[in-house]
Amino acid sequence: MPRRRSKPRSRKTPSGIQLPRPRRGRRLPPGIVRLDYEKARGYNVRIGYIRRKDSWRPRYQAYFADGRHGGKAEALAAAKKWLRTLIRTGKPPKRRSGH
């Protein structure tokens, strides 16, 4: 019986950043998760995991709060823009003062 080839767990972008594979039925882009807790409401972006001595940690990480960005839709738009810039340039965007 021939072995089935498994799908790759991630894909590399032209800038060399490794993105998670898109999942079926998921509305958010790979790497973006929604946090809905009493004290934290917003989107968290984690990309490019690297191996540490005893764990894995994201190389790039950013949090986009609903309150700071003016609501859910605006926070998601900011998270997507940050992710697009990171993928295109290979570097995280500079943080603006006041944000």
PDB file of N, CA and C in Angstrom:
ATOM      1  N   MET A   1       0.843  -1.176   0.000  1.00  0.00           N
ATOM      2  CA  MET A   1       0.000   0.000   0.000  1.00  0.00           C
ATOM      3  C   MET A   1       0.894   1.247   0.000  1.00  0.00           C
ATOM      4  N   PRO A   2       0.693   2.178  -0.949  1.00  0.00           N
ATOM      5  CA  PRO A   2       1.545   3.368  -1.006  1.00  0.00           C
ATOM      6  C   PRO A   2       1.265   4.304   0.171  1.00  0.00           C
ATOM      7  N   ARG A   3       2.324   4.983   0.601  1.00  0.00           N
ATOM      8  CA  ARG A   3       2.174   5.925   1.704  1.00  0.00           C
ATOM      9  C   ARG A   3       1.535   7.209   1.201  1.00  0.00           C
ATOM     10  N   ARG A   4       0.652   7.746   2.007  1.00  0.00           N
ATOM     11  CA  ARG A   4       0.024   9.013   1.661  1.00  0.00           C
ATOM     12  C   ARG A   4       0.953  10.148   2.029  1.00  0.00           C
ATOM     13  N   ARG A   5       1.084  11.079   1.145  1.00  0.00           N
ATOM     14  CA  ARG A   5       1.892  12.260   1.454  1.00  0.00           C
ATOM     15  C   ARG A   5       1.065  13.213   2.296  1.00  0.00           C
ATOM     16  N   SER A   6       1.625  13.623   3.384  1.00  0.00           N
ATOM     17  CA  SER A   6       0.893  14.564   4.226  1.00  0.00           C
ATOM     18  C   SER A   6       1.075  15.975   3.678  1.00  0.00           C
ATOM     19  N   LYS A   7       0.091  16.809   3.946  1.00  0.00           N
ATOM     20  CA  LYS A   7       0.173  18.196   3.514  1.00  0.00           C
ATOM     21  C   LYS A   7       1.213  18.906   4.371  1.00  0.00           C
ATOM     22  N   PRO A   8       1.919  19.853   3.786  1.00  0.00           N
ATOM     23  CA  PRO A   8       2.879  20.595   4.605  1.00  0.00           C
ATOM     24  C   PRO A   8       2.149  21.391   5.685  1.00  0.00           C
ATOM     25  N   ARG A   9       2.745  21.481   6.860  1.00  0.00           N
ATOM     26  CA  ARG A   9       2.115  22.202   7.959  1.00  0.00           C
ATOM     27  C   ARG A   9       2.181  23.709   7.768  1.00  0.00           C
ATOM     28  N   SER A  10       3.125  24.153   6.961  1.00  0.00           N
ATOM     29  CA  SER A  10       3.265  25.590   6.764  1.00  0.00           C
ATOM     30  C   SER A  10       3.753  25.867   5.355  1.00  0.00           C
ATOM     31  N   ARG A  11       3.748  27.134   5.007  1.00  0.00           N
ATOM     32  CA  ARG A  11       4.242  27.544   3.700  1.00  0.00           C
ATOM     33  C   ARG A  11       5.134  28.768   3.892  1.00  0.00           C
ATOM     34  N   LYS A  12       6.139  28.892   3.041  1.00  0.00           N
ATOM     35  CA  LYS A  12       7.057  30.030   3.142  1.00  0.00           C
ATOM     36  C   LYS A  12       6.643  31.110   2.160  1.00  0.00           C
ATOM     37  N   THR A  13       6.824  32.344   2.588  1.00  0.00           N
ATOM     38  CA  THR A  13       6.534  33.495   1.745  1.00  0.00           C
ATOM     39  C   THR A  13       7.813  33.915   1.036  1.00  0.00           C
ATOM     40  N   PRO A  14       7.714  34.796   0.044  1.00  0.00           N
ATOM     41  CA  PRO A  14       8.929  35.265  -0.635  1.00  0.00           C
ATOM     42  C   PRO A  14       9.939  35.911   0.315  1.00  0.00           C
ATOM     43  N   SER A  15       9.461  36.493   1.416  1.00  0.00           N
ATOM     44  CA  SER A  15      10.376  37.128   2.373  1.00  0.00           C
ATOM     45  C   SER A  15      11.002  36.103   3.317  1.00  0.00           C
ATOM     46  N   GLY A  16      10.587  34.830   3.205  1.00  0.00           N
ATOM     47  CA  GLY A  16      11.178  33.771   4.012  1.00  0.00           C
ATOM     48  C   GLY A  16      10.458  33.498   5.318  1.00  0.00           C
ATOM     49  N   ILE A  17       9.385  34.216   5.597  1.00  0.00           N
ATOM     50  CA  ILE A  17       8.632  34.006   6.829  1.00  0.00           C
ATOM     51  C   ILE A  17       7.710  32.814   6.641  1.00  0.00           C
ATOM     52  N   GLN A  18       7.686  31.950   7.615  1.00  0.00           N
ATOM     53  CA  GLN A  18       6.882  30.747   7.523  1.00  0.00           C
ATOM     54  C   GLN A  18       5.481  31.013   8.059  1.00  0.00           C
ATOM     55  N   LEU A  19       4.469  30.763   7.236  1.00  0.00           N
ATOM     56  CA  LEU A  19       3.074  30.952   7.618  1.00  0.00           C
ATOM     57  C   LEU A  19       2.410  29.618   7.856  1.00  0.00           C
ATOM     58  N   PRO A  20       1.482  29.552   8.817  1.00  0.00           N
ATOM     59  CA  PRO A  20       0.726  28.312   9.001  1.00  0.00           C
ATOM     60  C   PRO A  20      -0.153  28.040   7.783  1.00  0.00           C
ATOM     61  N   ARG A  21      -0.464  26.778   7.562  1.00  0.00           N
ATOM     62  CA  ARG A  21      -1.338  26.393   6.454  1.00  0.00           C
ATOM     63  C   ARG A  21      -2.767  26.863   6.752  1.00  0.00           C
ATOM     64  N   PRO A  22      -3.470  27.432   5.775  1.00  0.00           N
ATOM     65  CA  PRO A  22      -4.863  27.829   6.003  1.00  0.00           C
ATOM     66  C   PRO A  22      -5.720  26.606   6.340  1.00  0.00           C
ATOM     67  N   ARG A  23      -6.665  26.793   7.238  1.00  0.00           N
ATOM     68  CA  ARG A  23      -7.553  25.692   7.637  1.00  0.00           C
ATOM     69  C   ARG A  23      -8.931  25.902   7.046  1.00  0.00           C
ATOM     70  N   ARG A  24      -9.565  24.794   6.720  1.00  0.00           N
ATOM     71  CA  ARG A  24     -10.907  24.865   6.147  1.00  0.00           C
ATOM     72  C   ARG A  24     -11.898  25.344   7.195  1.00  0.00           C
ATOM     73  N   GLY A  25     -12.826  26.203   6.770  1.00  0.00           N
ATOM     74  CA  GLY A  25     -13.877  26.670   7.653  1.00  0.00           C
ATOM     75  C   GLY A  25     -13.438  27.750   8.631  1.00  0.00           C
ATOM     76  N   ARG A  26     -12.229  28.249   8.488  1.00  0.00           N
ATOM     77  CA  ARG A  26     -11.722  29.272   9.403  1.00  0.00           C
ATOM     78  C   ARG A  26     -11.846  30.628   8.725  1.00  0.00           C
ATOM     79  N   ARG A  27     -12.374  31.599   9.439  1.00  0.00           N
ATOM     80  CA  ARG A  27     -12.623  32.909   8.837  1.00  0.00           C
ATOM     81  C   ARG A  27     -11.431  33.847   8.929  1.00  0.00           C
ATOM     82  N   LEU A  28     -10.578  33.638   9.919  1.00  0.00           N
ATOM     83  CA  LEU A  28      -9.420  34.521  10.091  1.00  0.00           C
ATOM     84  C   LEU A  28      -8.229  33.994   9.304  1.00  0.00           C
ATOM     85  N   PRO A  29      -7.359  34.890   8.845  1.00  0.00           N
ATOM     86  CA  PRO A  29      -6.146  34.444   8.147  1.00  0.00           C
ATOM     87  C   PRO A  29      -5.243  33.636   9.077  1.00  0.00           C
ATOM     88  N   PRO A  30      -4.404  32.769   8.535  1.00  0.00           N
ATOM     89  CA  PRO A  30      -3.482  31.998   9.367  1.00  0.00           C
ATOM     90  C   PRO A  30      -2.573  32.919  10.167  1.00  0.00           C
ATOM     91  N   GLY A  31      -2.420  32.618  11.449  1.00  0.00           N
ATOM     92  CA  GLY A  31      -1.565  33.413  12.317  1.00  0.00           C
ATOM     93  C   GLY A  31      -2.311  34.440  13.146  1.00  0.00           C
ATOM     94  N   ILE A  32      -3.584  34.707  12.836  1.00  0.00           N
ATOM     95  CA  ILE A  32      -4.375  35.679  13.597  1.00  0.00           C
ATOM     96  C   ILE A  32      -5.411  34.941  14.431  1.00  0.00           C
ATOM     97  N   VAL A  33      -5.486  35.289  15.724  1.00  0.00           N
ATOM     98  CA  VAL A  33      -6.491  34.711  16.618  1.00  0.00           C
ATOM     99  C   VAL A  33      -7.230  35.834  17.336  1.00  0.00           C
ATOM    100  N   ARG A  34      -8.476  35.580  17.664  1.00  0.00           N
ATOM    101  CA  ARG A  34      -9.307  36.552  18.383  1.00  0.00           C
ATOM    102  C   ARG A  34      -9.235  36.256  19.874  1.00  0.00           C
ATOM    103  N   LEU A  35      -8.973  37.282  20.689  1.00  0.00           N
ATOM    104  CA  LEU A  35      -8.988  37.157  22.136  1.00  0.00           C
ATOM    105  C   LEU A  35     -10.236  37.871  22.638  1.00  0.00           C
ATOM    106  N   ASP A  36     -11.084  37.164  23.361  1.00  0.00           N
ATOM    107  CA  ASP A  36     -12.327  37.734  23.870  1.00  0.00           C
ATOM    108  C   ASP A  36     -12.450  37.446  25.352  1.00  0.00           C
ATOM    109  N   TYR A  37     -11.658  38.135  26.142  1.00  0.00           N
ATOM    110  CA  TYR A  37     -11.695  37.993  27.594  1.00  0.00           C
ATOM    111  C   TYR A  37     -12.146  39.316  28.184  1.00  0.00           C
ATOM    112  N   GLU A  38     -12.495  39.296  29.452  1.00  0.00           N
ATOM    113  CA  GLU A  38     -12.972  40.506  30.104  1.00  0.00           C
ATOM    114  C   GLU A  38     -11.959  41.646  29.995  1.00  0.00           C
ATOM    115  N   LYS A  39     -10.679  41.334  30.199  1.00  0.00           N
ATOM    116  CA  LYS A  39      -9.657  42.377  30.190  1.00  0.00           C
ATOM    117  C   LYS A  39      -8.873  42.459  28.888  1.00  0.00           C
ATOM    118  N   ALA A  40      -9.111  41.577  27.958  1.00  0.00           N
ATOM    119  CA  ALA A  40      -8.381  41.593  26.683  1.00  0.00           C
ATOM    120  C   ALA A  40      -9.333  41.249  25.551  1.00  0.00           C
ATOM    121  N   ARG A  41      -9.680  42.257  24.778  1.00  0.00           N
ATOM    122  CA  ARG A  41     -10.521  42.042  23.598  1.00  0.00           C
ATOM    123  C   ARG A  41      -9.790  42.604  22.402  1.00  0.00           C
ATOM    124  N   GLY A  42      -9.453  41.708  21.481  1.00  0.00           N
ATOM    125  CA  GLY A  42      -8.742  42.150  20.288  1.00  0.00           C
ATOM    126  C   GLY A  42      -8.193  40.965  19.520  1.00  0.00           C
ATOM    127  N   TYR A  43      -7.250  41.240  18.631  1.00  0.00           N
ATOM    128  CA  TYR A  43      -6.658  40.204  17.788  1.00  0.00           C
ATOM    129  C   TYR A  43      -5.169  40.095  18.085  1.00  0.00           C
ATOM    130  N   ASN A  44      -4.689  38.873  18.155  1.00  0.00           N
ATOM    131  CA  ASN A  44      -3.284  38.601  18.399  1.00  0.00           C
ATOM    132  C   ASN A  44      -2.717  37.934  17.143  1.00  0.00           C
ATOM    133  N   VAL A  45      -1.584  38.447  16.668  1.00  0.00           N
ATOM    134  CA  VAL A  45      -0.930  37.881  15.489  1.00  0.00           C
ATOM    135  C   VAL A  45       0.377  37.258  15.949  1.00  0.00           C
ATOM    136  N   ARG A  46       0.571  35.974  15.632  1.00  0.00           N
ATOM    137  CA  ARG A  46       1.813  35.274  15.973  1.00  0.00           C
ATOM    138  C   ARG A  46       2.274  34.506  14.739  1.00  0.00           C
ATOM    139  N   ILE A  47       3.509  34.792  14.311  1.00  0.00           N
ATOM    140  CA  ILE A  47       4.028  34.230  13.062  1.00  0.00           C
ATOM    141  C   ILE A  47       5.478  33.825  13.230  1.00  0.00           C
ATOM    142  N   GLY A  48       5.894  32.821  12.487  1.00  0.00           N
ATOM    143  CA  GLY A  48       7.302  32.436  12.412  1.00  0.00           C
ATOM    144  C   GLY A  48       7.835  31.820  13.686  1.00  0.00           C
ATOM    145  N   TYR A  49       7.284  30.707  14.110  1.00  0.00           N
ATOM    146  CA  TYR A  49       7.705  30.083  15.359  1.00  0.00           C
ATOM    147  C   TYR A  49       9.138  29.564  15.269  1.00  0.00           C
ATOM    148  N   ILE A  50       9.890  29.776  16.343  1.00  0.00           N
ATOM    149  CA  ILE A  50      11.260  29.285  16.417  1.00  0.00           C
ATOM    150  C   ILE A  50      11.418  28.411  17.655  1.00  0.00           C
ATOM    151  N   ARG A  51      12.307  27.453  17.543  1.00  0.00           N
ATOM    152  CA  ARG A  51      12.541  26.500  18.630  1.00  0.00           C
ATOM    153  C   ARG A  51      13.472  27.106  19.664  1.00  0.00           C
ATOM    154  N   ARG A  52      13.067  27.068  20.908  1.00  0.00           N
ATOM    155  CA  ARG A  52      13.909  27.468  22.026  1.00  0.00           C
ATOM    156  C   ARG A  52      14.387  26.205  22.727  1.00  0.00           C
ATOM    157  N   LYS A  53      15.118  26.366  23.795  1.00  0.00           N
ATOM    158  CA  LYS A  53      15.696  25.229  24.497  1.00  0.00           C
ATOM    159  C   LYS A  53      14.631  24.199  24.908  1.00  0.00           C
ATOM    160  N   ASP A  54      13.537  24.666  25.471  1.00  0.00           N
ATOM    161  CA  ASP A  54      12.509  23.731  25.936  1.00  0.00           C
ATOM    162  C   ASP A  54      11.100  24.055  25.437  1.00  0.00           C
ATOM    163  N   SER A  55      10.979  24.951  24.456  1.00  0.00           N
ATOM    164  CA  SER A  55       9.649  25.299  23.953  1.00  0.00           C
ATOM    165  C   SER A  55       9.750  25.971  22.581  1.00  0.00           C
ATOM    166  N   TRP A  56       8.584  26.283  22.042  1.00  0.00           N
ATOM    167  CA  TRP A  56       8.488  27.041  20.797  1.00  0.00           C
ATOM    168  C   TRP A  56       7.964  28.429  21.142  1.00  0.00           C
ATOM    169  N   ARG A  57       8.425  29.442  20.420  1.00  0.00           N
ATOM    170  CA  ARG A  57       7.896  30.782  20.628  1.00  0.00           C
ATOM    171  C   ARG A  57       7.828  31.504  19.293  1.00  0.00           C
ATOM    172  N   PRO A  58       6.853  32.425  19.148  1.00  0.00           N
ATOM    173  CA  PRO A  58       6.738  33.143  17.882  1.00  0.00           C
ATOM    174  C   PRO A  58       7.867  34.151  17.703  1.00  0.00           C
ATOM    175  N   ARG A  59       8.392  34.233  16.509  1.00  0.00           N
ATOM    176  CA  ARG A  59       9.437  35.215  16.206  1.00  0.00           C
ATOM    177  C   ARG A  59       8.823  36.609  16.130  1.00  0.00           C
ATOM    178  N   TYR A  60       7.615  36.707  15.574  1.00  0.00           N
ATOM    179  CA  TYR A  60       6.926  37.987  15.441  1.00  0.00           C
ATOM    180  C   TYR A  60       5.573  37.875  16.132  1.00  0.00           C
ATOM    181  N   GLN A  61       5.238  38.892  16.920  1.00  0.00           N
ATOM    182  CA  GLN A  61       3.983  38.874  17.656  1.00  0.00           C
ATOM    183  C   GLN A  61       3.491  40.301  17.818  1.00  0.00           C
ATOM    184  N   ALA A  62       2.170  40.506  17.681  1.00  0.00           N
ATOM    185  CA  ALA A  62       1.579  41.832  17.875  1.00  0.00           C
ATOM    186  C   ALA A  62       0.146  41.660  18.352  1.00  0.00           C
ATOM    187  N   TYR A  63      -0.317  42.611  19.145  1.00  0.00           N
ATOM    188  CA  TYR A  63      -1.675  42.592  19.678  1.00  0.00           C
ATOM    189  C   TYR A  63      -2.398  43.856  19.219  1.00  0.00           C
ATOM    190  N   PHE A  64      -3.637  43.700  18.749  1.00  0.00           N
ATOM    191  CA  PHE A  64      -4.433  44.811  18.253  1.00  0.00           C
ATOM    192  C   PHE A  64      -5.739  44.864  19.040  1.00  0.00           C
ATOM    193  N   ALA A  65      -5.804  45.776  20.004  1.00  0.00           N
ATOM    194  CA  ALA A  65      -6.958  45.898  20.898  1.00  0.00           C
ATOM    195  C   ALA A  65      -8.122  46.590  20.193  1.00  0.00           C
ATOM    196  N   ASP A  66      -9.335  46.115  20.488  1.00  0.00           N
ATOM    197  CA  ASP A  66     -10.534  46.726  19.921  1.00  0.00           C
ATOM    198  C   ASP A  66     -10.649  48.190  20.340  1.00  0.00           C
ATOM    199  N   GLY A  67     -10.428  48.467  21.617  1.00  0.00           N
ATOM    200  CA  GLY A  67     -10.583  49.824  22.137  1.00  0.00           C
ATOM    201  C   GLY A  67      -9.625  50.812  21.509  1.00  0.00           C
ATOM    202  N   ARG A  68      -8.406  50.407  21.307  1.00  0.00           N
ATOM    203  CA  ARG A  68      -7.387  51.308  20.749  1.00  0.00           C
ATOM    204  C   ARG A  68      -7.607  51.565  19.262  1.00  0.00           C
ATOM    205  N   HIS A  69      -8.204  50.598  18.570  1.00  0.00           N
ATOM    206  CA  HIS A  69      -8.383  50.732  17.121  1.00  0.00           C
ATOM    207  C   HIS A  69      -9.794  51.133  16.719  1.00  0.00           C
ATOM    208  N   GLY A  70     -10.704  51.289  17.684  1.00  0.00           N
ATOM    209  CA  GLY A  70     -12.040  51.778  17.365  1.00  0.00           C
ATOM    210  C   GLY A  70     -13.064  50.699  17.080  1.00  0.00           C
ATOM    211  N   GLY A  71     -12.833  49.476  17.497  1.00  0.00           N
ATOM    212  CA  GLY A  71     -13.812  48.403  17.309  1.00  0.00           C
ATOM    213  C   GLY A  71     -13.198  47.151  16.722  1.00  0.00           C
ATOM    214  N   LYS A  72     -14.039  46.100  16.644  1.00  0.00           N
ATOM    215  CA  LYS A  72     -13.586  44.790  16.163  1.00  0.00           C
ATOM    216  C   LYS A  72     -13.075  44.844  14.727  1.00  0.00           C
ATOM    217  N   ALA A  73     -13.868  45.443  13.858  1.00  0.00           N
ATOM    218  CA  ALA A  73     -13.522  45.455  12.431  1.00  0.00           C
ATOM    219  C   ALA A  73     -12.221  46.221  12.179  1.00  0.00           C
ATOM    220  N   GLU A  74     -12.061  47.345  12.861  1.00  0.00           N
ATOM    221  CA  GLU A  74     -10.858  48.152  12.674  1.00  0.00           C
ATOM    222  C   GLU A  74      -9.619  47.440  13.232  1.00  0.00           C
ATOM    223  N   ALA A  75      -9.784  46.745  14.368  1.00  0.00           N
ATOM    224  CA  ALA A  75      -8.661  45.998  14.952  1.00  0.00           C
ATOM    225  C   ALA A  75      -8.251  44.854  14.023  1.00  0.00           C
ATOM    226  N   LEU A  76      -9.236  44.169  13.434  1.00  0.00           N
ATOM    227  CA  LEU A  76      -8.923  43.087  12.497  1.00  0.00           C
ATOM    228  C   LEU A  76      -8.238  43.637  11.244  1.00  0.00           C
ATOM    229  N   ALA A  77      -8.709  44.773  10.760  1.00  0.00           N
ATOM    230  CA  ALA A  77      -8.084  45.391   9.585  1.00  0.00           C
ATOM    231  C   ALA A  77      -6.633  45.775   9.884  1.00  0.00           C
ATOM    232  N   ALA A  78      -6.372  46.300  11.079  1.00  0.00           N
ATOM    233  CA  ALA A  78      -5.009  46.667  11.462  1.00  0.00           C
ATOM    234  C   ALA A  78      -4.123  45.424  11.574  1.00  0.00           C
ATOM    235  N   ALA A  79      -4.680  44.344  12.117  1.00  0.00           N
ATOM    236  CA  ALA A  79      -3.919  43.093  12.248  1.00  0.00           C
ATOM    237  C   ALA A  79      -3.572  42.529  10.869  1.00  0.00           C
ATOM    238  N   LYS A  80      -4.529  42.552   9.944  1.00  0.00           N
ATOM    239  CA  LYS A  80      -4.284  42.058   8.589  1.00  0.00           C
ATOM    240  C   LYS A  80      -3.248  42.916   7.875  1.00  0.00           C
ATOM    241  N   LYS A  81      -3.324  44.232   8.058  1.00  0.00           N
ATOM    242  CA  LYS A  81      -2.361  45.140   7.424  1.00  0.00           C
ATOM    243  C   LYS A  81      -0.959  44.865   7.967  1.00  0.00           C
ATOM    244  N   TRP A  82      -0.840  44.686   9.282  1.00  0.00           N
ATOM    245  CA  TRP A  82       0.453  44.393   9.914  1.00  0.00           C
ATOM    246  C   TRP A  82       1.022  43.087   9.367  1.00  0.00           C
ATOM    247  N   LEU A  83       0.168  42.071   9.245  1.00  0.00           N
ATOM    248  CA  LEU A  83       0.593  40.768   8.732  1.00  0.00           C
ATOM    249  C   LEU A  83       1.038  40.872   7.270  1.00  0.00           C
ATOM    250  N   ARG A  84       0.280  41.599   6.439  1.00  0.00           N
ATOM    251  CA  ARG A  84       0.659  41.787   5.034  1.00  0.00           C
ATOM    252  C   ARG A  84       2.018  42.471   4.907  1.00  0.00           C
ATOM    253  N   THR A  85       2.238  43.508   5.725  1.00  0.00           N
ATOM    254  CA  THR A  85       3.510  44.221   5.688  1.00  0.00           C
ATOM    255  C   THR A  85       4.652  43.305   6.113  1.00  0.00           C
ATOM    256  N   LEU A  86       4.432  42.519   7.150  1.00  0.00           N
ATOM    257  CA  LEU A  86       5.448  41.582   7.617  1.00  0.00           C
ATOM    258  C   LEU A  86       5.788  40.561   6.542  1.00  0.00           C
ATOM    259  N   ILE A  87       4.788  40.037   5.870  1.00  0.00           N
ATOM    260  CA  ILE A  87       5.008  39.037   4.818  1.00  0.00           C
ATOM    261  C   ILE A  87       5.746  39.673   3.629  1.00  0.00           C
ATOM    262  N   ARG A  88       5.344  40.885   3.260  1.00  0.00           N
ATOM    263  CA  ARG A  88       5.946  41.552   2.105  1.00  0.00           C
ATOM    264  C   ARG A  88       7.403  41.954   2.342  1.00  0.00           C
ATOM    265  N   THR A  89       7.702  42.511   3.521  1.00  0.00           N
ATOM    266  CA  THR A  89       9.039  43.052   3.772  1.00  0.00           C
ATOM    267  C   THR A  89       9.955  42.109   4.541  1.00  0.00           C
ATOM    268  N   GLY A  90       9.370  41.188   5.295  1.00  0.00           N
ATOM    269  CA  GLY A  90      10.185  40.306   6.124  1.00  0.00           C
ATOM    270  C   GLY A  90      10.551  40.914   7.461  1.00  0.00           C
ATOM    271  N   LYS A  91      10.062  42.139   7.729  1.00  0.00           N
ATOM    272  CA  LYS A  91      10.315  42.812   9.002  1.00  0.00           C
ATOM    273  C   LYS A  91       8.994  43.317   9.562  1.00  0.00           C
ATOM    274  N   PRO A  92       8.840  43.311  10.888  1.00  0.00           N
ATOM    275  CA  PRO A  92       7.594  43.851  11.441  1.00  0.00           C
ATOM    276  C   PRO A  92       7.547  45.362  11.238  1.00  0.00           C
ATOM    277  N   PRO A  93       6.363  45.912  10.975  1.00  0.00           N
ATOM    278  CA  PRO A  93       6.244  47.360  10.795  1.00  0.00           C
ATOM    279  C   PRO A  93       6.638  48.097  12.072  1.00  0.00           C
ATOM    280  N   LYS A  94       7.136  49.297  11.920  1.00  0.00           N
ATOM    281  CA  LYS A  94       7.480  50.127  13.084  1.00  0.00           C
ATOM    282  C   LYS A  94       6.195  50.520  13.789  1.00  0.00           C
ATOM    283  N   ARG A  95       6.258  50.544  15.106  1.00  0.00           N
ATOM    284  CA  ARG A  95       5.088  50.970  15.870  1.00  0.00           C
ATOM    285  C   ARG A  95       5.013  52.488  15.861  1.00  0.00           C
ATOM    286  N   ARG A  96       3.798  52.981  15.682  1.00  0.00           N
ATOM    287  CA  ARG A  96       3.598  54.427  15.708  1.00  0.00           C
ATOM    288  C   ARG A  96       3.473  54.873  17.150  1.00  0.00           C
ATOM    289  N   SER A  97       3.886  56.092  17.438  1.00  0.00           N
ATOM    290  CA  SER A  97       3.742  56.585  18.800  1.00  0.00           C
ATOM    291  C   SER A  97       2.253  56.804  19.079  1.00  0.00           C
ATOM    292  N   GLY A  98       1.845  56.473  20.291  1.00  0.00           N
ATOM    293  CA  GLY A  98       0.435  56.607  20.663  1.00  0.00           C
ATOM    294  C   GLY A  98      -0.373  55.368  20.358  1.00  0.00           C
ATOM    295  N   HIS A  99       0.217  54.358  19.718  1.00  0.00           N
ATOM    296  CA  HIS A  99      -0.508  53.118  19.413  1.00  0.00           C
ATOM    297  C   HIS A  99       0.230  51.939  19.959  1.00  0.00           C
TER     298      HIS A  99
END
